[in-house]
Amino acid sequence: MNLISRAYASWSLKTPPFPRRLQIETTNRCNASCLMCPLREMTRPPADMSFELFDRLAAELKTQPSLRRVILHVMGEPFVRPDFLDLLAHLRREAPHQPLEFSTNGSLLGPAEAERLVEIGPESINFSLDAYSAETHARIRRGLNFNRVLANLAGLIETVARSGRSRPRILVQLIKMDVNREEWAEFADQWLTLSGRHPFVQVYLKEQWSWGGHLESGQAAAERKRGGLAVPCGFPFDQLDVYADGRVGFCCLDQDAELTVGDLKTQSLAQIWRSERLEEMRRRFKRFDFKGLRCAECGERLRYRPLAEVGGRGRRLLGLGERSDNPAEPPSR
């Protein structure tokens, strides 16, 4: 990797006092077998997080400043746990300042769940739909009933609208794949129209990630095509992922928990965040040293930042000169 990229990575990748993003795997079980999901090849045993472990997380989050995101999902479908909403409500009570969200395939989110969700008030729900038609949905979201999923989504939207509240925000998502390529425009038009009537509904067409080389990364391909300055993945500097058994890693694309850096059963999140194991990972990422890590095959191990987005201090550091439009300095990390 060229010296300019390494110099920029060393300067720009800073470690905050506590992770900005936390992902919590309440379960790694799922009721679907989706086309792009590595869950089918996951070697970890099916497991639900114990309440004791979840309560330990809640107690620590209660004492920490607000994170950017707290996501109750890594692998699995949250609603296969009958008590998932109890966990969500517990975390909301214990740490009401934390921004809560999760992803769901929508198949188990019926009217009762929708009513309670509005009462709990998570900031956001990512509703993974991935198709405009029943045929395409069946090819991607294997094992689910498209009409039931749509009915559940419509019911959730109606419940939020009827409540008069602005949350949860509902993100209707399509992961861009070859199998649904012909439906991207129709999908966007359909949900943008609904978003015009309900501002809490948003549409999200997402580039496909590689899951550690499991798939071709649309995200990486798009960034490479755009070009710019190569920087290593920022996950070790930004987030922690707590798996159902209490092990902790830093990559939400690591379905087999190969990149674990601690264990919540014996350590706090704060201890893991400043552990020597994770610090060594950060040093390796700054050197672009992925040898022996599952990251070596991952399409997202390198990200590309357009030079136009590199602020004044960064450009001076890299010897790129000043931009003629005098851009603002990049925010501190």
C-alpha atoms as a PDB file:
ATOM      1  CA  MET A   1       0.000   0.000   0.000  1.00  0.00           C
ATOM      2  CA  ASN A   2       1.429   3.392  -0.941  1.00  0.00           C
ATOM      3  CA  LEU A   3       2.909   5.689   1.677  1.00  0.00           C
ATOM      4  CA  ILE A   4       0.287   8.397   1.158  1.00  0.00           C
ATOM      5  CA  SER A   5      -2.530   6.015   2.080  1.00  0.00           C
ATOM      6  CA  ARG A   6      -0.659   4.741   5.121  1.00  0.00           C
ATOM      7  CA  ALA A   7       0.123   8.273   6.283  1.00  0.00           C
ATOM      8  CA  TYR A   8      -3.514   9.306   5.901  1.00  0.00           C
ATOM      9  CA  ALA A   9      -4.743   6.184   7.752  1.00  0.00           C
ATOM     10  CA  SER A  10      -2.351   6.833  10.632  1.00  0.00           C
ATOM     11  CA  TRP A  11      -3.508  10.467  10.886  1.00  0.00           C
ATOM     12  CA  SER A  12      -7.245  10.072  10.369  1.00  0.00           C
ATOM     13  CA  LEU A  13      -8.136   6.838  12.193  1.00  0.00           C
ATOM     14  CA  LYS A  14      -8.532   7.850  15.826  1.00  0.00           C
ATOM     15  CA  THR A  15     -10.017   5.855  18.698  1.00  0.00           C
ATOM     16  CA  PRO A  16     -12.789   7.611  20.666  1.00  0.00           C
ATOM     17  CA  PRO A  17     -13.159   7.004  24.419  1.00  0.00           C
ATOM     18  CA  PHE A  18     -15.999   4.520  23.782  1.00  0.00           C
ATOM     19  CA  PRO A  19     -17.373   2.928  20.600  1.00  0.00           C
ATOM     20  CA  ARG A  20     -19.722   5.102  18.589  1.00  0.00           C
ATOM     21  CA  ARG A  21     -21.721   2.088  17.473  1.00  0.00           C
ATOM     22  CA  LEU A  22     -22.662  -1.075  19.358  1.00  0.00           C
ATOM     23  CA  GLN A  23     -24.334  -4.133  17.850  1.00  0.00           C
ATOM     24  CA  ILE A  24     -25.981  -6.649  20.173  1.00  0.00           C
ATOM     25  CA  GLU A  25     -26.891 -10.117  18.948  1.00  0.00           C
ATOM     26  CA  THR A  26     -29.917 -11.067  21.034  1.00  0.00           C
ATOM     27  CA  THR A  27     -30.152 -14.243  18.919  1.00  0.00           C
ATOM     28  CA  ASN A  28     -28.361 -15.741  15.944  1.00  0.00           C
ATOM     29  CA  ARG A  29     -31.348 -17.902  14.999  1.00  0.00           C
ATOM     30  CA  CYS A  30     -33.462 -17.080  11.957  1.00  0.00           C
ATOM     31  CA  ASN A  31     -36.683 -18.272  10.319  1.00  0.00           C
ATOM     32  CA  ALA A  32     -35.448 -17.620   6.766  1.00  0.00           C
ATOM     33  CA  SER A  33     -32.606 -18.746   4.521  1.00  0.00           C
ATOM     34  CA  CYS A  34     -31.802 -15.674   2.475  1.00  0.00           C
ATOM     35  CA  LEU A  35     -29.859 -15.769  -0.753  1.00  0.00           C
ATOM     36  CA  MET A  36     -27.129 -13.306   0.292  1.00  0.00           C
ATOM     37  CA  CYS A  37     -26.889 -14.208   3.986  1.00  0.00           C
ATOM     38  CA  PRO A  38     -23.939 -16.261   5.303  1.00  0.00           C
ATOM     39  CA  LEU A  39     -26.075 -17.554   8.183  1.00  0.00           C
ATOM     40  CA  ARG A  40     -26.529 -20.780   6.225  1.00  0.00           C
ATOM     41  CA  GLU A  41     -22.761 -21.358   6.462  1.00  0.00           C
ATOM     42  CA  MET A  42     -22.276 -20.064  10.006  1.00  0.00           C
ATOM     43  CA  THR A  43     -20.378 -22.540  12.170  1.00  0.00           C
ATOM     44  CA  ARG A  44     -21.432 -21.069  15.530  1.00  0.00           C
ATOM     45  CA  PRO A  45     -24.229 -23.017  17.262  1.00  0.00           C
ATOM     46  CA  PRO A  46     -27.711 -21.451  17.425  1.00  0.00           C
ATOM     47  CA  ALA A  47     -27.986 -19.390  20.590  1.00  0.00           C
ATOM     48  CA  ASP A  48     -29.982 -16.697  22.373  1.00  0.00           C
ATOM     49  CA  MET A  49     -28.293 -14.147  24.613  1.00  0.00           C
ATOM     50  CA  SER A  50     -29.131 -14.686  28.272  1.00  0.00           C
ATOM     51  CA  PHE A  51     -31.050 -11.999  30.126  1.00  0.00           C
ATOM     52  CA  GLU A  52     -28.175 -11.752  32.642  1.00  0.00           C
ATOM     53  CA  LEU A  53     -25.740 -10.877  29.863  1.00  0.00           C
ATOM     54  CA  PHE A  54     -28.167  -8.443  28.261  1.00  0.00           C
ATOM     55  CA  ASP A  55     -28.786  -6.778  31.624  1.00  0.00           C
ATOM     56  CA  ARG A  56     -25.025  -6.367  32.043  1.00  0.00           C
ATOM     57  CA  LEU A  57     -24.941  -4.529  28.716  1.00  0.00           C
ATOM     58  CA  ALA A  58     -27.878  -2.343  29.738  1.00  0.00           C
ATOM     59  CA  ALA A  59     -26.196  -1.406  33.024  1.00  0.00           C
ATOM     60  CA  GLU A  60     -23.027  -0.283  31.264  1.00  0.00           C
ATOM     61  CA  LEU A  61     -24.899   1.639  28.573  1.00  0.00           C
ATOM     62  CA  LYS A  62     -26.809   3.422  31.331  1.00  0.00           C
ATOM     63  CA  THR A  63     -23.540   4.979  32.522  1.00  0.00           C
ATOM     64  CA  GLN A  64     -22.137   5.844  29.091  1.00  0.00           C
ATOM     65  CA  PRO A  65     -22.919   8.955  27.020  1.00  0.00           C
ATOM     66  CA  SER A  66     -25.225   8.510  24.059  1.00  0.00           C
ATOM     67  CA  LEU A  67     -23.707   6.422  21.288  1.00  0.00           C
ATOM     68  CA  ARG A  68     -24.367   7.163  17.648  1.00  0.00           C
ATOM     69  CA  ARG A  69     -26.207   3.848  17.198  1.00  0.00           C
ATOM     70  CA  VAL A  70     -27.162   0.876  19.382  1.00  0.00           C
ATOM     71  CA  ILE A  71     -28.316  -1.929  17.092  1.00  0.00           C
ATOM     72  CA  LEU A  72     -30.012  -5.027  18.509  1.00  0.00           C
ATOM     73  CA  HIS A  73     -28.963  -7.232  15.642  1.00  0.00           C
ATOM     74  CA  VAL A  74     -25.880  -8.935  14.237  1.00  0.00           C
ATOM     75  CA  MET A  75     -26.945 -12.281  12.795  1.00  0.00           C
ATOM     76  CA  GLY A  76     -30.407 -13.811  13.105  1.00  0.00           C
ATOM     77  CA  GLU A  77     -33.976 -12.497  13.172  1.00  0.00           C
ATOM     78  CA  PRO A  78     -34.752 -10.715  16.474  1.00  0.00           C
ATOM     79  CA  PHE A  79     -38.422 -11.721  16.573  1.00  0.00           C
ATOM     80  CA  VAL A  80     -37.718 -15.454  16.697  1.00  0.00           C
ATOM     81  CA  ARG A  81     -37.208 -14.677  20.384  1.00  0.00           C
ATOM     82  CA  PRO A  82     -40.672 -14.350  21.941  1.00  0.00           C
ATOM     83  CA  ASP A  83     -39.177 -11.995  24.544  1.00  0.00           C
ATOM     84  CA  PHE A  84     -37.327  -9.716  22.119  1.00  0.00           C
ATOM     85  CA  LEU A  85     -39.586  -6.748  22.838  1.00  0.00           C
ATOM     86  CA  ASP A  86     -39.107  -7.321  26.577  1.00  0.00           C
ATOM     87  CA  LEU A  87     -35.355  -6.934  26.033  1.00  0.00           C
ATOM     88  CA  LEU A  88     -35.875  -3.825  23.927  1.00  0.00           C
ATOM     89  CA  ALA A  89     -38.145  -2.295  26.573  1.00  0.00           C
ATOM     90  CA  HIS A  90     -35.661  -3.150  29.335  1.00  0.00           C
ATOM     91  CA  LEU A  91     -32.843  -1.380  27.520  1.00  0.00           C
ATOM     92  CA  ARG A  92     -35.069   1.627  26.837  1.00  0.00           C
ATOM     93  CA  ARG A  93     -35.904   1.878  30.557  1.00  0.00           C
ATOM     94  CA  GLU A  94     -32.346   1.375  31.776  1.00  0.00           C
ATOM     95  CA  ALA A  95     -30.622   3.611  29.209  1.00  0.00           C
ATOM     96  CA  PRO A  96     -33.310   5.906  27.765  1.00  0.00           C
ATOM     97  CA  HIS A  97     -30.704   8.219  26.208  1.00  0.00           C
ATOM     98  CA  GLN A  98     -29.293   5.535  23.929  1.00  0.00           C
ATOM     99  CA  PRO A  99     -30.522   5.468  20.280  1.00  0.00           C
ATOM    100  CA  LEU A 100     -32.008   2.013  19.696  1.00  0.00           C
ATOM    101  CA  GLU A 101     -32.600   0.275  16.373  1.00  0.00           C
ATOM    102  CA  PHE A 102     -32.733  -3.178  14.832  1.00  0.00           C
ATOM    103  CA  SER A 103     -33.249  -5.009  11.540  1.00  0.00           C
ATOM    104  CA  THR A 104     -36.044  -7.459  10.810  1.00  0.00           C
ATOM    105  CA  ASN A 105     -37.383  -9.459   7.893  1.00  0.00           C
ATOM    106  CA  GLY A 106     -40.878  -8.486   9.040  1.00  0.00           C
ATOM    107  CA  SER A 107     -42.407 -11.949   8.963  1.00  0.00           C
ATOM    108  CA  LEU A 108     -43.113 -12.104  12.709  1.00  0.00           C
ATOM    109  CA  LEU A 109     -43.926  -8.439  13.309  1.00  0.00           C
ATOM    110  CA  GLY A 110     -47.695  -8.602  13.633  1.00  0.00           C
ATOM    111  CA  PRO A 111     -50.257  -6.101  15.019  1.00  0.00           C
ATOM    112  CA  ALA A 112     -49.485  -6.768  18.691  1.00  0.00           C
ATOM    113  CA  GLU A 113     -45.764  -6.333  18.114  1.00  0.00           C
ATOM    114  CA  ALA A 114     -46.371  -3.126  16.152  1.00  0.00           C
ATOM    115  CA  GLU A 115     -48.435  -1.608  18.971  1.00  0.00           C
ATOM    116  CA  ARG A 116     -45.804  -2.397  21.553  1.00  0.00           C
ATOM    117  CA  LEU A 117     -42.985  -1.124  19.349  1.00  0.00           C
ATOM    118  CA  VAL A 118     -44.632   2.275  19.158  1.00  0.00           C
ATOM    119  CA  GLU A 119     -44.965   2.288  22.953  1.00  0.00           C
ATOM    120  CA  ILE A 120     -41.280   1.443  23.441  1.00  0.00           C
ATOM    121  CA  GLY A 121     -40.202   3.955  20.807  1.00  0.00           C
ATOM    122  CA  PRO A 122     -36.929   2.753  19.268  1.00  0.00           C
ATOM    123  CA  GLU A 123     -35.398   5.352  16.999  1.00  0.00           C
ATOM    124  CA  SER A 124     -35.341   3.185  13.892  1.00  0.00           C
ATOM    125  CA  ILE A 125     -36.401  -0.153  12.392  1.00  0.00           C
ATOM    126  CA  ASN A 126     -34.666  -1.466   9.295  1.00  0.00           C
ATOM    127  CA  PHE A 127     -37.314  -3.462   7.416  1.00  0.00           C
ATOM    128  CA  SER A 128     -35.414  -5.776   5.049  1.00  0.00           C
ATOM    129  CA  LEU A 129     -37.684  -6.357   2.058  1.00  0.00           C
ATOM    130  CA  ASP A 130     -35.311  -6.596  -0.929  1.00  0.00           C
ATOM    131  CA  ALA A 131     -37.970  -6.997  -3.609  1.00  0.00           C
ATOM    132  CA  TYR A 132     -40.855  -5.325  -5.385  1.00  0.00           C
ATOM    133  CA  SER A 133     -42.556  -8.563  -6.484  1.00  0.00           C
ATOM    134  CA  ALA A 134     -43.538 -11.777  -4.709  1.00  0.00           C
ATOM    135  CA  GLU A 135     -41.499 -13.816  -7.180  1.00  0.00           C
ATOM    136  CA  THR A 136     -38.269 -11.957  -6.517  1.00  0.00           C
ATOM    137  CA  HIS A 137     -38.899 -11.921  -2.767  1.00  0.00           C
ATOM    138  CA  ALA A 138     -39.301 -15.715  -2.825  1.00  0.00           C
ATOM    139  CA  ARG A 139     -35.962 -16.084  -4.610  1.00  0.00           C
ATOM    140  CA  ILE A 140     -34.137 -13.874  -2.110  1.00  0.00           C
ATOM    141  CA  ARG A 141     -35.971 -14.153   1.216  1.00  0.00           C
ATOM    142  CA  ARG A 142     -36.415 -17.907   1.154  1.00  0.00           C
ATOM    143  CA  GLY A 143     -38.950 -19.339   3.564  1.00  0.00           C
ATOM    144  CA  LEU A 144     -40.991 -16.167   4.046  1.00  0.00           C
ATOM    145  CA  ASN A 145     -44.455 -15.224   2.817  1.00  0.00           C
ATOM    146  CA  PHE A 146     -44.304 -11.976   0.804  1.00  0.00           C
ATOM    147  CA  ASN A 147     -47.954 -11.040   1.325  1.00  0.00           C
ATOM    148  CA  ARG A 148     -47.696 -11.547   5.077  1.00  0.00           C
ATOM    149  CA  VAL A 149     -44.509  -9.477   5.226  1.00  0.00           C
ATOM    150  CA  LEU A 150     -46.157  -6.645   3.251  1.00  0.00           C
ATOM    151  CA  ALA A 151     -49.231  -6.798   5.494  1.00  0.00           C
ATOM    152  CA  ASN A 152     -47.021  -6.574   8.592  1.00  0.00           C
ATOM    153  CA  LEU A 153     -45.141  -3.630   7.131  1.00  0.00           C
ATOM    154  CA  ALA A 154     -48.393  -1.848   6.242  1.00  0.00           C
ATOM    155  CA  GLY A 155     -49.701  -2.530   9.745  1.00  0.00           C
ATOM    156  CA  LEU A 156     -46.586  -1.106  11.360  1.00  0.00           C
ATOM    157  CA  ILE A 157     -46.770   2.037   9.227  1.00  0.00           C
ATOM    158  CA  GLU A 158     -50.445   2.478  10.069  1.00  0.00           C
ATOM    159  CA  THR A 159     -49.770   1.983  13.782  1.00  0.00           C
ATOM    160  CA  VAL A 160     -47.040   4.642  13.819  1.00  0.00           C
ATOM    161  CA  ALA A 161     -49.206   7.032  11.785  1.00  0.00           C
ATOM    162  CA  ARG A 162     -52.184   6.523  14.072  1.00  0.00           C
ATOM    163  CA  SER A 163     -50.052   7.199  17.147  1.00  0.00           C
ATOM    164  CA  GLY A 164     -49.120  10.663  15.895  1.00  0.00           C
ATOM    165  CA  ARG A 165     -45.499  10.029  16.849  1.00  0.00           C
ATOM    166  CA  SER A 166     -42.441  10.463  14.662  1.00  0.00           C
ATOM    167  CA  ARG A 167     -40.737   7.246  15.697  1.00  0.00           C
ATOM    168  CA  PRO A 168     -39.797   4.610  15.082  1.00  0.00           C
ATOM    169  CA  ARG A 169     -38.413   5.665  11.726  1.00  0.00           C
ATOM    170  CA  ILE A 170     -39.085   2.835   9.277  1.00  0.00           C
ATOM    171  CA  LEU A 171     -36.329   2.189   6.750  1.00  0.00           C
ATOM    172  CA  VAL A 172     -37.640   0.000   3.911  1.00  0.00           C
ATOM    173  CA  GLN A 173     -34.519  -1.612   2.495  1.00  0.00           C
ATOM    174  CA  LEU A 174     -33.497  -3.270  -0.755  1.00  0.00           C
ATOM    175  CA  ILE A 175     -30.010  -4.748  -1.061  1.00  0.00           C
ATOM    176  CA  LYS A 176     -28.922  -4.258  -4.662  1.00  0.00           C
ATOM    177  CA  MET A 177     -28.304  -7.630  -6.305  1.00  0.00           C
ATOM    178  CA  ASP A 178     -28.435  -9.010  -9.830  1.00  0.00           C
ATOM    179  CA  VAL A 179     -31.537 -11.011  -8.962  1.00  0.00           C
ATOM    180  CA  ASN A 180     -33.556  -7.870  -8.120  1.00  0.00           C
ATOM    181  CA  ARG A 181     -31.846  -5.426 -10.495  1.00  0.00           C
ATOM    182  CA  GLU A 182     -34.935  -4.992 -12.682  1.00  0.00           C
ATOM    183  CA  GLU A 183     -36.970  -3.934  -9.643  1.00  0.00           C
ATOM    184  CA  TRP A 184     -34.715  -1.226  -8.188  1.00  0.00           C
ATOM    185  CA  ALA A 185     -36.581   1.657  -9.804  1.00  0.00           C
ATOM    186  CA  GLU A 186     -40.077   0.310  -9.057  1.00  0.00           C
ATOM    187  CA  PHE A 187     -39.113  -0.406  -5.459  1.00  0.00           C
ATOM    188  CA  ALA A 188     -37.754   3.121  -4.975  1.00  0.00           C
ATOM    189  CA  ASP A 189     -40.782   4.747  -6.622  1.00  0.00           C
ATOM    190  CA  GLN A 190     -43.245   2.738  -4.535  1.00  0.00           C
ATOM    191  CA  TRP A 191     -41.722   3.558  -1.173  1.00  0.00           C
ATOM    192  CA  LEU A 192     -40.739   7.129  -1.972  1.00  0.00           C
ATOM    193  CA  THR A 193     -44.388   7.770  -2.784  1.00  0.00           C
ATOM    194  CA  LEU A 194     -45.399   6.406   0.616  1.00  0.00           C
ATOM    195  CA  SER A 195     -42.627   8.409   2.279  1.00  0.00           C
ATOM    196  CA  GLY A 196     -44.240  11.550   0.862  1.00  0.00           C
ATOM    197  CA  ARG A 197     -47.344  10.783   2.915  1.00  0.00           C
ATOM    198  CA  HIS A 198     -45.522   9.461   5.992  1.00  0.00           C
ATOM    199  CA  PRO A 199     -42.200  11.243   6.671  1.00  0.00           C
ATOM    200  CA  PHE A 200     -41.150   8.541   9.154  1.00  0.00           C
ATOM    201  CA  VAL A 201     -40.956   6.059   6.236  1.00  0.00           C
ATOM    202  CA  GLN A 202     -37.717   6.125   4.265  1.00  0.00           C
ATOM    203  CA  VAL A 203     -36.430   4.008   1.397  1.00  0.00           C
ATOM    204  CA  TYR A 204     -32.902   2.640   1.344  1.00  0.00           C
ATOM    205  CA  LEU A 205     -31.278   1.007  -1.690  1.00  0.00           C
ATOM    206  CA  LYS A 206     -28.152  -0.499  -0.214  1.00  0.00           C
ATOM    207  CA  GLU A 207     -25.030  -1.737  -1.963  1.00  0.00           C
ATOM    208  CA  GLN A 208     -24.289  -5.404  -1.280  1.00  0.00           C
ATOM    209  CA  TRP A 209     -21.456  -6.123   1.136  1.00  0.00           C
ATOM    210  CA  SER A 210     -19.108  -9.051   0.674  1.00  0.00           C
ATOM    211  CA  TRP A 211     -19.457 -10.720   4.098  1.00  0.00           C
ATOM    212  CA  GLY A 212     -15.722 -11.312   4.303  1.00  0.00           C
ATOM    213  CA  GLY A 213     -15.406 -12.409   0.685  1.00  0.00           C
ATOM    214  CA  HIS A 214     -18.513 -14.615   0.732  1.00  0.00           C
ATOM    215  CA  LEU A 215     -20.067 -12.481  -2.031  1.00  0.00           C
ATOM    216  CA  GLU A 216     -18.974  -9.916  -4.582  1.00  0.00           C
ATOM    217  CA  SER A 217     -19.120  -6.539  -2.887  1.00  0.00           C
ATOM    218  CA  GLY A 218     -21.223  -3.977  -4.692  1.00  0.00           C
ATOM    219  CA  GLN A 219     -20.119  -1.440  -2.094  1.00  0.00           C
ATOM    220  CA  ALA A 220     -16.425  -2.002  -2.788  1.00  0.00           C
ATOM    221  CA  ALA A 221     -16.936  -2.060  -6.566  1.00  0.00           C
ATOM    222  CA  ALA A 222     -18.803   1.258  -6.454  1.00  0.00           C
ATOM    223  CA  GLU A 223     -16.067   2.878  -4.359  1.00  0.00           C
ATOM    224  CA  ARG A 224     -13.236   1.547  -6.517  1.00  0.00           C
ATOM    225  CA  LYS A 225     -14.972   2.877  -9.611  1.00  0.00           C
ATOM    226  CA  ARG A 226     -15.367   6.282  -7.981  1.00  0.00           C
ATOM    227  CA  GLY A 227     -11.697   6.253  -6.985  1.00  0.00           C
ATOM    228  CA  GLY A 228      -9.878   8.226  -4.346  1.00  0.00           C
ATOM    229  CA  LEU A 229      -7.565   7.653  -1.425  1.00  0.00           C
ATOM    230  CA  ALA A 230      -7.505   4.071  -0.083  1.00  0.00           C
ATOM    231  CA  VAL A 231      -8.067   3.793   3.665  1.00  0.00           C
ATOM    232  CA  PRO A 232      -8.520   0.663   5.768  1.00  0.00           C
ATOM    233  CA  CYS A 233     -11.906  -0.341   7.151  1.00  0.00           C
ATOM    234  CA  GLY A 234     -12.751   1.767  10.189  1.00  0.00           C
ATOM    235  CA  PHE A 235     -14.671  -0.857  12.180  1.00  0.00           C
ATOM    236  CA  PRO A 236     -11.963  -1.414  14.862  1.00  0.00           C
ATOM    237  CA  PHE A 237     -12.009   2.342  15.507  1.00  0.00           C
ATOM    238  CA  ASP A 238     -15.764   2.742  15.580  1.00  0.00           C
ATOM    239  CA  GLN A 239     -17.767  -0.223  16.875  1.00  0.00           C
ATOM    240  CA  LEU A 240     -18.094  -3.347  18.957  1.00  0.00           C
ATOM    241  CA  ASP A 241     -20.295  -6.359  18.281  1.00  0.00           C
ATOM    242  CA  VAL A 242     -21.513  -8.509  21.173  1.00  0.00           C
ATOM    243  CA  TYR A 243     -22.429 -12.041  20.100  1.00  0.00           C
ATOM    244  CA  ALA A 244     -25.128 -14.143  21.733  1.00  0.00           C
ATOM    245  CA  ASP A 245     -22.614 -16.090  23.845  1.00  0.00           C
ATOM    246  CA  GLY A 246     -20.939 -12.932  25.175  1.00  0.00           C
ATOM    247  CA  ARG A 247     -17.871 -12.888  22.958  1.00  0.00           C
ATOM    248  CA  VAL A 248     -17.113  -9.477  21.530  1.00  0.00           C
ATOM    249  CA  GLY A 249     -15.741  -8.562  18.117  1.00  0.00           C
ATOM    250  CA  PHE A 250     -15.648  -5.428  15.982  1.00  0.00           C
ATOM    251  CA  CYS A 251     -17.056  -6.549  12.620  1.00  0.00           C
ATOM    252  CA  CYS A 252     -20.748  -7.051  11.894  1.00  0.00           C
ATOM    253  CA  LEU A 253     -19.777  -9.030   8.760  1.00  0.00           C
ATOM    254  CA  ASP A 254     -17.983 -11.674  10.853  1.00  0.00           C
ATOM    255  CA  GLN A 255     -20.664 -14.361  11.109  1.00  0.00           C
ATOM    256  CA  ASP A 256     -18.350 -16.908  12.742  1.00  0.00           C
ATOM    257  CA  ALA A 257     -16.907 -14.512  15.338  1.00  0.00           C
ATOM    258  CA  GLU A 258     -13.344 -15.055  14.122  1.00  0.00           C
ATOM    259  CA  LEU A 259     -12.260 -11.522  15.053  1.00  0.00           C
ATOM    260  CA  THR A 260     -13.145 -11.664  18.733  1.00  0.00           C
ATOM    261  CA  VAL A 261     -11.275  -9.276  21.011  1.00  0.00           C
ATOM    262  CA  GLY A 262     -12.898  -9.945  24.391  1.00  0.00           C
ATOM    263  CA  ASP A 263     -15.702 -11.573  26.362  1.00  0.00           C
ATOM    264  CA  LEU A 264     -18.472  -9.681  28.112  1.00  0.00           C
ATOM    265  CA  LYS A 265     -18.838 -12.464  30.683  1.00  0.00           C
ATOM    266  CA  THR A 266     -15.509 -11.435  32.218  1.00  0.00           C
ATOM    267  CA  GLN A 267     -14.894  -7.910  30.893  1.00  0.00           C
ATOM    268  CA  SER A 268     -16.790  -4.671  30.448  1.00  0.00           C
ATOM    269  CA  LEU A 269     -17.259  -3.036  27.065  1.00  0.00           C
ATOM    270  CA  ALA A 270     -14.956  -0.227  28.181  1.00  0.00           C
ATOM    271  CA  GLN A 271     -12.209  -2.707  29.092  1.00  0.00           C
ATOM    272  CA  ILE A 272     -12.519  -4.507  25.767  1.00  0.00           C
ATOM    273  CA  TRP A 273     -12.528  -1.214  23.855  1.00  0.00           C
ATOM    274  CA  ARG A 274      -9.136  -0.315  25.336  1.00  0.00           C
ATOM    275  CA  SER A 275      -7.730  -3.844  25.403  1.00  0.00           C
ATOM    276  CA  GLU A 276      -4.309  -4.649  23.978  1.00  0.00           C
ATOM    277  CA  ARG A 277      -5.918  -7.207  21.656  1.00  0.00           C
ATOM    278  CA  LEU A 278      -8.047  -4.545  19.965  1.00  0.00           C
ATOM    279  CA  GLU A 279      -5.231  -1.988  20.001  1.00  0.00           C
ATOM    280  CA  GLU A 280      -3.053  -4.460  18.111  1.00  0.00           C
ATOM    281  CA  MET A 281      -5.840  -4.896  15.538  1.00  0.00           C
ATOM    282  CA  ARG A 282      -5.956  -1.125  15.088  1.00  0.00           C
ATOM    283  CA  ARG A 283      -2.202  -0.942  14.571  1.00  0.00           C
ATOM    284  CA  ARG A 284      -2.427  -3.691  11.958  1.00  0.00           C
ATOM    285  CA  PHE A 285      -5.257  -1.960  10.117  1.00  0.00           C
ATOM    286  CA  LYS A 286      -3.276   1.279   9.983  1.00  0.00           C
ATOM    287  CA  ARG A 287      -0.438  -0.676   8.372  1.00  0.00           C
ATOM    288  CA  PHE A 288      -2.886  -2.348   5.955  1.00  0.00           C
ATOM    289  CA  ASP A 289      -1.729  -5.662   7.439  1.00  0.00           C
ATOM    290  CA  PHE A 290      -4.597  -8.147   6.999  1.00  0.00           C
ATOM    291  CA  LYS A 291      -2.469 -11.293   6.694  1.00  0.00           C
ATOM    292  CA  GLY A 292      -4.015 -14.255   8.491  1.00  0.00           C
ATOM    293  CA  LEU A 293      -7.286 -12.396   9.155  1.00  0.00           C
ATOM    294  CA  ARG A 294     -10.598 -13.118   7.488  1.00  0.00           C
ATOM    295  CA  CYS A 295     -10.367  -9.457   6.452  1.00  0.00           C
ATOM    296  CA  ALA A 296      -7.803 -10.458   3.798  1.00  0.00           C
ATOM    297  CA  GLU A 297     -10.595 -11.655   1.494  1.00  0.00           C
ATOM    298  CA  CYS A 298     -13.145  -9.033   2.485  1.00  0.00           C
ATOM    299  CA  GLY A 299     -14.277  -6.565  -0.176  1.00  0.00           C
ATOM    300  CA  GLU A 300     -14.659  -3.871   2.472  1.00  0.00           C
ATOM    301  CA  ARG A 301     -11.168  -4.138   3.995  1.00  0.00           C
ATOM    302  CA  LEU A 302     -10.282  -1.059   1.925  1.00  0.00           C
ATOM    303  CA  ARG A 303     -12.545   1.945   1.546  1.00  0.00           C
ATOM    304  CA  TYR A 304     -11.968   4.798  -0.884  1.00  0.00           C
ATOM    305  CA  ARG A 305     -12.329   8.426   0.113  1.00  0.00           C
ATOM    306  CA  PRO A 306     -12.550  10.989  -2.710  1.00  0.00           C
ATOM    307  CA  LEU A 307      -9.690  13.476  -2.549  1.00  0.00           C
ATOM    308  CA  ALA A 308     -12.261  16.273  -2.658  1.00  0.00           C
ATOM    309  CA  GLU A 309     -13.414  15.131   0.816  1.00  0.00           C
ATOM    310  CA  VAL A 310      -9.932  15.274   2.352  1.00  0.00           C
ATOM    311  CA  GLY A 311      -9.848  18.458   4.401  1.00  0.00           C
ATOM    312  CA  GLY A 312      -7.165  21.137   4.523  1.00  0.00           C
ATOM    313  CA  ARG A 313      -5.038  19.585   7.278  1.00  0.00           C
ATOM    314  CA  GLY A 314      -5.161  16.194   5.594  1.00  0.00           C
ATOM    315  CA  ARG A 315      -4.128  17.620   2.239  1.00  0.00           C
ATOM    316  CA  ARG A 316      -1.212  19.496   3.789  1.00  0.00           C
ATOM    317  CA  LEU A 317      -0.136  16.323   5.618  1.00  0.00           C
ATOM    318  CA  LEU A 318      -0.150  14.368   2.366  1.00  0.00           C
ATOM    319  CA  GLY A 319       1.526  17.094   0.370  1.00  0.00           C
ATOM    320  CA  LEU A 320      -1.492  17.493  -1.926  1.00  0.00           C
ATOM    321  CA  GLY A 321      -1.717  21.260  -1.668  1.00  0.00           C
ATOM    322  CA  GLU A 322      -4.728  23.391  -0.837  1.00  0.00           C
ATOM    323  CA  ARG A 323      -8.018  23.246  -2.683  1.00  0.00           C
ATOM    324  CA  SER A 324      -8.992  26.420  -4.423  1.00  0.00           C
ATOM    325  CA  ASP A 325     -12.388  26.525  -2.707  1.00  0.00           C
ATOM    326  CA  ASN A 326     -10.818  26.385   0.776  1.00  0.00           C
ATOM    327  CA  PRO A 327     -12.772  23.404   2.123  1.00  0.00           C
ATOM    328  CA  ALA A 328     -13.671  23.092   5.767  1.00  0.00           C
ATOM    329  CA  GLU A 329     -11.522  21.011   8.046  1.00  0.00           C
ATOM    330  CA  PRO A 330     -12.675  17.413   8.549  1.00  0.00           C
ATOM    331  CA  PRO A 331     -14.514  16.814  11.818  1.00  0.00           C
ATOM    332  CA  SER A 332     -12.448  15.326  14.625  1.00  0.00           C
ATOM    333  CA  ARG A 333     -12.897  11.606  14.986  1.00  0.00           C
END
